Amino acid sequence: MLLSILLQAAASSALGYVGAAIGAGLVALGAGVGIGKIGKSAMEGIARQPEAAGNIRTSMIIIGALVEGVCLFGVIVCLLIVLLK
């Protein structure tokens, strides 16, 4: 309900396009930083304990997929702001 009201308010003004573009950029930037930190931590963990590489890799893939899901949701919300106008 609240999200729908916010989307309609943002879409009704010209600043909605600017906000959507900035929002999509920030979402993509945040996801890139998150994936980078996940990869860095996984490589450090594998270097410290090579025998746990399989478990670390599995956890890294699951967490990476969750971060990408949040990123996709954010980009979709930004696109909805643009398309509702």
C-alpha atoms as a PDB file:
ATOM      1  CA  MET A   1       0.000   0.000   0.000  1.00  0.00           C
ATOM      2  CA  LEU A   2       2.668   2.502   1.062  1.00  0.00           C
ATOM      3  CA  LEU A   3       4.966   1.418  -1.761  1.00  0.00           C
ATOM      4  CA  SER A   4       2.171   1.994  -4.271  1.00  0.00           C
ATOM      5  CA  ILE A   5       1.559   5.510  -2.937  1.00  0.00           C
ATOM      6  CA  LEU A   6       5.271   6.328  -3.058  1.00  0.00           C
ATOM      7  CA  LEU A   7       5.590   4.986  -6.594  1.00  0.00           C
ATOM      8  CA  GLN A   8       2.650   7.067  -7.789  1.00  0.00           C
ATOM      9  CA  ALA A   9       3.987  10.215  -6.113  1.00  0.00           C
ATOM     10  CA  ALA A  10       7.426   9.753  -7.645  1.00  0.00           C
ATOM     11  CA  ALA A  11       6.000   9.002 -11.079  1.00  0.00           C
ATOM     12  CA  SER A  12       3.838  12.119 -11.080  1.00  0.00           C
ATOM     13  CA  SER A  13       6.796  14.518 -11.080  1.00  0.00           C
ATOM     14  CA  ALA A  14       9.697  15.052 -13.445  1.00  0.00           C
ATOM     15  CA  LEU A  15      12.110  14.280 -10.624  1.00  0.00           C
ATOM     16  CA  GLY A  16      10.840  10.705 -10.650  1.00  0.00           C
ATOM     17  CA  TYR A  17      13.029   9.929 -13.645  1.00  0.00           C
ATOM     18  CA  VAL A  18      16.110  11.360 -11.974  1.00  0.00           C
ATOM     19  CA  GLY A  19      15.363   9.549  -8.730  1.00  0.00           C
ATOM     20  CA  ALA A  20      14.793   6.279 -10.555  1.00  0.00           C
ATOM     21  CA  ALA A  21      18.085   6.591 -12.421  1.00  0.00           C
ATOM     22  CA  ILE A  22      20.006   7.418  -9.243  1.00  0.00           C
ATOM     23  CA  GLY A  23      18.253   4.616  -7.384  1.00  0.00           C
ATOM     24  CA  ALA A  24      19.025   2.031 -10.048  1.00  0.00           C
ATOM     25  CA  GLY A  25      22.653   3.131 -10.074  1.00  0.00           C
ATOM     26  CA  LEU A  26      22.958   2.915  -6.307  1.00  0.00           C
ATOM     27  CA  VAL A  27      21.346  -0.524  -6.267  1.00  0.00           C
ATOM     28  CA  ALA A  28      23.757  -1.826  -8.896  1.00  0.00           C
ATOM     29  CA  LEU A  29      26.719  -0.242  -7.104  1.00  0.00           C
ATOM     30  CA  GLY A  30      25.666  -1.752  -3.784  1.00  0.00           C
ATOM     31  CA  ALA A  31      25.238  -5.191  -5.313  1.00  0.00           C
ATOM     32  CA  GLY A  32      28.675  -4.970  -6.925  1.00  0.00           C
ATOM     33  CA  VAL A  33      30.297  -4.056  -3.627  1.00  0.00           C
ATOM     34  CA  GLY A  34      28.412  -6.838  -1.859  1.00  0.00           C
ATOM     35  CA  ILE A  35      29.425  -9.490  -4.377  1.00  0.00           C
ATOM     36  CA  GLY A  36      33.016  -8.251  -4.197  1.00  0.00           C
ATOM     37  CA  LYS A  37      33.085  -8.581  -0.412  1.00  0.00           C
ATOM     38  CA  ILE A  38      31.572 -12.051  -0.604  1.00  0.00           C
ATOM     39  CA  GLY A  39      34.210 -13.159  -3.118  1.00  0.00           C
ATOM     40  CA  LYS A  40      37.037 -11.620  -1.091  1.00  0.00           C
ATOM     41  CA  SER A  41      35.935 -13.300   2.117  1.00  0.00           C
ATOM     42  CA  ALA A  42      35.425 -16.634   0.382  1.00  0.00           C
ATOM     43  CA  MET A  43      38.899 -16.545  -1.166  1.00  0.00           C
ATOM     44  CA  GLU A  44      40.446 -15.700   2.211  1.00  0.00           C
ATOM     45  CA  GLY A  45      38.536 -18.543   3.834  1.00  0.00           C
ATOM     46  CA  ILE A  46      39.588 -21.033   1.167  1.00  0.00           C
ATOM     47  CA  ALA A  47      43.214 -19.889   1.475  1.00  0.00           C
ATOM     48  CA  ARG A  48      43.131 -20.446   5.241  1.00  0.00           C
ATOM     49  CA  GLN A  49      41.309 -23.786   5.109  1.00  0.00           C
ATOM     50  CA  PRO A  50      41.574 -25.448   1.685  1.00  0.00           C
ATOM     51  CA  GLU A  51      39.763 -28.555   2.931  1.00  0.00           C
ATOM     52  CA  ALA A  52      36.591 -26.477   3.480  1.00  0.00           C
ATOM     53  CA  ALA A  53      36.572 -25.079  -0.072  1.00  0.00           C
ATOM     54  CA  GLY A  54      33.414 -26.946  -1.096  1.00  0.00           C
ATOM     55  CA  ASN A  55      31.349 -25.689   1.831  1.00  0.00           C
ATOM     56  CA  ILE A  56      32.650 -22.134   1.453  1.00  0.00           C
ATOM     57  CA  ARG A  57      31.925 -22.134  -2.279  1.00  0.00           C
ATOM     58  CA  THR A  58      28.371 -23.368  -1.706  1.00  0.00           C
ATOM     59  CA  SER A  59      27.709 -20.687   0.902  1.00  0.00           C
ATOM     60  CA  MET A  60      29.230 -18.047  -1.369  1.00  0.00           C
ATOM     61  CA  ILE A  61      26.931 -18.996  -4.252  1.00  0.00           C
ATOM     62  CA  ILE A  62      23.819 -18.942  -2.049  1.00  0.00           C
ATOM     63  CA  ILE A  63      24.661 -15.558  -0.527  1.00  0.00           C
ATOM     64  CA  GLY A  64      25.577 -14.154  -3.947  1.00  0.00           C
ATOM     65  CA  ALA A  65      22.202 -15.253  -5.321  1.00  0.00           C
ATOM     66  CA  LEU A  66      20.423 -13.533  -2.434  1.00  0.00           C
ATOM     67  CA  VAL A  67      22.331 -10.301  -3.048  1.00  0.00           C
ATOM     68  CA  GLU A  68      21.490 -10.452  -6.750  1.00  0.00           C
ATOM     69  CA  GLY A  69      17.818 -11.024  -5.881  1.00  0.00           C
ATOM     70  CA  VAL A  70      17.739  -7.887  -3.758  1.00  0.00           C
ATOM     71  CA  CYS A  71      19.480  -5.969  -6.547  1.00  0.00           C
ATOM     72  CA  LEU A  72      16.942  -7.164  -9.086  1.00  0.00           C
ATOM     73  CA  PHE A  73      14.076  -6.123  -6.796  1.00  0.00           C
ATOM     74  CA  GLY A  74      15.575  -2.637  -6.428  1.00  0.00           C
ATOM     75  CA  VAL A  75      16.033  -2.194 -10.163  1.00  0.00           C
ATOM     76  CA  ILE A  76      12.454  -3.359 -10.817  1.00  0.00           C
ATOM     77  CA  VAL A  77      11.125  -0.782  -8.348  1.00  0.00           C
ATOM     78  CA  CYS A  78      13.128   1.936 -10.112  1.00  0.00           C
ATOM     79  CA  LEU A  79      11.795   0.814 -13.486  1.00  0.00           C
ATOM     80  CA  LEU A  80       8.238   0.859 -12.138  1.00  0.00           C
ATOM     81  CA  ILE A  81       8.694   4.489 -11.164  1.00  0.00           C
ATOM     82  CA  VAL A  82       9.601   5.309 -14.745  1.00  0.00           C
ATOM     83  CA  LEU A  83       6.888   3.177 -16.332  1.00  0.00           C
ATOM     84  CA  LEU A  84       4.016   4.420 -14.160  1.00  0.00           C
ATOM     85  CA  LYS A  85       4.175   7.880 -15.648  1.00  0.00           C
END
